[in-house]
């Protein structure tokens, strides 16, 4: 992301198109998800403004011969609720091991 924003990719239509073509080959999204809209909305964002999280889970298990990750439903719902209500700072403070925001 930093490379894309620092090289003018987001403001150059040709570079942006090439970036989006490459990106769409590397990710899978729902049919109604507009990757182009997302990229344009976040074009001024840099990686130092992001926090990466793992959805709360209860570990892994074997289901019908497949290894699966089990959701911790109540903790996951609290995370998704904080995202929807834009209260992630408070969520991270309350749910990070040290009481401070999680490492990016």
C-alpha atoms as a PDB file:
ATOM      1  CA  UNK A   1       0.000   0.000   0.000  1.00  0.00           C
ATOM      2  CA  UNK A   2       2.768   2.441   0.881  1.00  0.00           C
ATOM      3  CA  UNK A   3       4.478   1.801  -2.440  1.00  0.00           C
ATOM      4  CA  UNK A   4       1.240   2.366  -4.351  1.00  0.00           C
ATOM      5  CA  UNK A   5       0.558   5.663  -2.616  1.00  0.00           C
ATOM      6  CA  UNK A   6       4.136   6.946  -2.658  1.00  0.00           C
ATOM      7  CA  UNK A   7       4.700   6.364  -6.382  1.00  0.00           C
ATOM      8  CA  UNK A   8       1.662   8.346  -7.489  1.00  0.00           C
ATOM      9  CA  UNK A   9      -0.291   5.244  -8.456  1.00  0.00           C
ATOM     10  CA  UNK A  10      -3.508   6.495  -6.889  1.00  0.00           C
ATOM     11  CA  UNK A  11      -3.508   9.770  -8.841  1.00  0.00           C
ATOM     12  CA  UNK A  12      -2.331   8.421 -12.192  1.00  0.00           C
ATOM     13  CA  UNK A  13      -5.230   6.773 -14.097  1.00  0.00           C
ATOM     14  CA  UNK A  14      -2.959   4.417 -16.050  1.00  0.00           C
ATOM     15  CA  UNK A  15      -1.009   3.298 -12.986  1.00  0.00           C
ATOM     16  CA  UNK A  16      -4.220   2.994 -10.977  1.00  0.00           C
ATOM     17  CA  UNK A  17      -5.814   0.779 -13.620  1.00  0.00           C
ATOM     18  CA  UNK A  18      -2.748  -1.491 -13.745  1.00  0.00           C
ATOM     19  CA  UNK A  19      -2.702  -1.646  -9.929  1.00  0.00           C
ATOM     20  CA  UNK A  20      -6.401  -2.560  -9.797  1.00  0.00           C
ATOM     21  CA  UNK A  21      -5.996  -5.221 -12.492  1.00  0.00           C
ATOM     22  CA  UNK A  22      -3.170  -6.817 -10.504  1.00  0.00           C
ATOM     23  CA  UNK A  23      -5.039  -6.500  -7.228  1.00  0.00           C
ATOM     24  CA  UNK A  24      -8.223  -8.076  -8.572  1.00  0.00           C
ATOM     25  CA  UNK A  25      -6.239 -11.115  -9.697  1.00  0.00           C
ATOM     26  CA  UNK A  26      -4.836 -11.550  -6.179  1.00  0.00           C
ATOM     27  CA  UNK A  27      -7.976 -11.215  -4.037  1.00  0.00           C
ATOM     28  CA  UNK A  28     -11.418 -12.747  -3.922  1.00  0.00           C
ATOM     29  CA  UNK A  29     -14.385 -10.639  -2.866  1.00  0.00           C
ATOM     30  CA  UNK A  30     -18.171 -10.842  -2.916  1.00  0.00           C
ATOM     31  CA  UNK A  31     -19.791 -10.104  -6.281  1.00  0.00           C
ATOM     32  CA  UNK A  32     -21.279  -6.832  -4.990  1.00  0.00           C
ATOM     33  CA  UNK A  33     -18.000  -5.548  -3.541  1.00  0.00           C
ATOM     34  CA  UNK A  34     -16.587  -2.644  -5.561  1.00  0.00           C
ATOM     35  CA  UNK A  35     -12.823  -2.876  -5.216  1.00  0.00           C
ATOM     36  CA  UNK A  36     -12.343   0.260  -7.299  1.00  0.00           C
ATOM     37  CA  UNK A  37     -14.556   2.271  -4.949  1.00  0.00           C
ATOM     38  CA  UNK A  38     -12.651   0.973  -1.928  1.00  0.00           C
ATOM     39  CA  UNK A  39      -9.278   1.860  -3.424  1.00  0.00           C
ATOM     40  CA  UNK A  40     -10.447   5.367  -4.251  1.00  0.00           C
ATOM     41  CA  UNK A  41     -11.895   5.872  -0.762  1.00  0.00           C
ATOM     42  CA  UNK A  42      -8.654   4.812   0.893  1.00  0.00           C
ATOM     43  CA  UNK A  43      -6.188   6.348  -1.538  1.00  0.00           C
ATOM     44  CA  UNK A  44      -4.727   8.710   1.060  1.00  0.00           C
ATOM     45  CA  UNK A  45      -4.329   6.037   3.735  1.00  0.00           C
ATOM     46  CA  UNK A  46      -0.917   4.681   4.665  1.00  0.00           C
ATOM     47  CA  UNK A  47       0.036   1.499   6.474  1.00  0.00           C
ATOM     48  CA  UNK A  48       0.984   3.369   9.654  1.00  0.00           C
ATOM     49  CA  UNK A  49      -2.718   4.203  10.038  1.00  0.00           C
ATOM     50  CA  UNK A  50      -3.785   0.538   9.962  1.00  0.00           C
ATOM     51  CA  UNK A  51      -4.140  -2.087  12.647  1.00  0.00           C
ATOM     52  CA  UNK A  52      -4.381  -5.694  11.561  1.00  0.00           C
ATOM     53  CA  UNK A  53      -6.479  -8.038  13.676  1.00  0.00           C
ATOM     54  CA  UNK A  54      -7.434 -11.685  13.679  1.00  0.00           C
ATOM     55  CA  UNK A  55     -11.084 -12.414  14.258  1.00  0.00           C
ATOM     56  CA  UNK A  56     -11.473 -13.876  17.758  1.00  0.00           C
ATOM     57  CA  UNK A  57     -11.456 -17.638  17.586  1.00  0.00           C
ATOM     58  CA  UNK A  58     -11.603 -20.706  19.780  1.00  0.00           C
ATOM     59  CA  UNK A  59      -8.742 -22.473  18.039  1.00  0.00           C
ATOM     60  CA  UNK A  60      -8.854 -25.122  15.377  1.00  0.00           C
ATOM     61  CA  UNK A  61     -10.673 -28.407  15.013  1.00  0.00           C
ATOM     62  CA  UNK A  62     -11.247 -31.188  12.546  1.00  0.00           C
ATOM     63  CA  UNK A  63     -14.639 -31.257  10.823  1.00  0.00           C
ATOM     64  CA  UNK A  64     -15.312 -34.022   8.322  1.00  0.00           C
ATOM     65  CA  UNK A  65     -11.609 -34.464   7.685  1.00  0.00           C
ATOM     66  CA  UNK A  66     -11.022 -30.729   7.165  1.00  0.00           C
ATOM     67  CA  UNK A  67      -9.057 -28.451   9.472  1.00  0.00           C
ATOM     68  CA  UNK A  68     -11.191 -25.454  10.419  1.00  0.00           C
ATOM     69  CA  UNK A  69     -10.840 -22.418  12.663  1.00  0.00           C
ATOM     70  CA  UNK A  70     -13.664 -22.116  15.171  1.00  0.00           C
ATOM     71  CA  UNK A  71     -15.095 -18.665  15.760  1.00  0.00           C
ATOM     72  CA  UNK A  72     -15.457 -17.347  19.290  1.00  0.00           C
ATOM     73  CA  UNK A  73     -18.885 -16.032  18.394  1.00  0.00           C
ATOM     74  CA  UNK A  74     -19.453 -13.628  21.315  1.00  0.00           C
ATOM     75  CA  UNK A  75     -15.980 -12.065  21.052  1.00  0.00           C
ATOM     76  CA  UNK A  76     -16.201 -11.893  17.257  1.00  0.00           C
ATOM     77  CA  UNK A  77     -19.591 -10.187  17.443  1.00  0.00           C
ATOM     78  CA  UNK A  78     -18.130  -7.615  19.859  1.00  0.00           C
ATOM     79  CA  UNK A  79     -15.343  -6.882  17.344  1.00  0.00           C
ATOM     80  CA  UNK A  80     -17.760  -6.555  14.427  1.00  0.00           C
ATOM     81  CA  UNK A  81     -20.057  -4.354  16.513  1.00  0.00           C
ATOM     82  CA  UNK A  82     -17.127  -2.049  17.327  1.00  0.00           C
ATOM     83  CA  UNK A  83     -16.272  -1.847  13.618  1.00  0.00           C
ATOM     84  CA  UNK A  84     -19.861  -1.013  12.686  1.00  0.00           C
ATOM     85  CA  UNK A  85     -20.153   1.635  15.400  1.00  0.00           C
ATOM     86  CA  UNK A  86     -16.661   3.100  14.760  1.00  0.00           C
ATOM     87  CA  UNK A  87     -15.577   2.391  18.336  1.00  0.00           C
ATOM     88  CA  UNK A  88     -12.430   0.419  17.530  1.00  0.00           C
ATOM     89  CA  UNK A  89     -10.150   2.550  19.723  1.00  0.00           C
ATOM     90  CA  UNK A  90     -12.219   1.633  22.789  1.00  0.00           C
ATOM     91  CA  UNK A  91     -12.475  -1.999  21.653  1.00  0.00           C
ATOM     92  CA  UNK A  92      -8.699  -2.279  21.235  1.00  0.00           C
ATOM     93  CA  UNK A  93      -8.051  -0.663  24.613  1.00  0.00           C
ATOM     94  CA  UNK A  94     -10.401  -3.123  26.290  1.00  0.00           C
ATOM     95  CA  UNK A  95      -9.307  -6.219  24.372  1.00  0.00           C
ATOM     96  CA  UNK A  96      -5.560  -5.923  23.825  1.00  0.00           C
ATOM     97  CA  UNK A  97      -3.391  -7.957  26.204  1.00  0.00           C
ATOM     98  CA  UNK A  98      -1.606  -4.867  27.554  1.00  0.00           C
ATOM     99  CA  UNK A  99      -4.673  -2.609  27.470  1.00  0.00           C
ATOM    100  CA  UNK A 100      -3.137  -0.590  24.642  1.00  0.00           C
ATOM    101  CA  UNK A 101      -3.876  -0.773  20.921  1.00  0.00           C
ATOM    102  CA  UNK A 102      -2.774  -3.976  19.219  1.00  0.00           C
ATOM    103  CA  UNK A 103       0.435  -4.006  17.236  1.00  0.00           C
ATOM    104  CA  UNK A 104      -0.059  -3.291  13.553  1.00  0.00           C
END
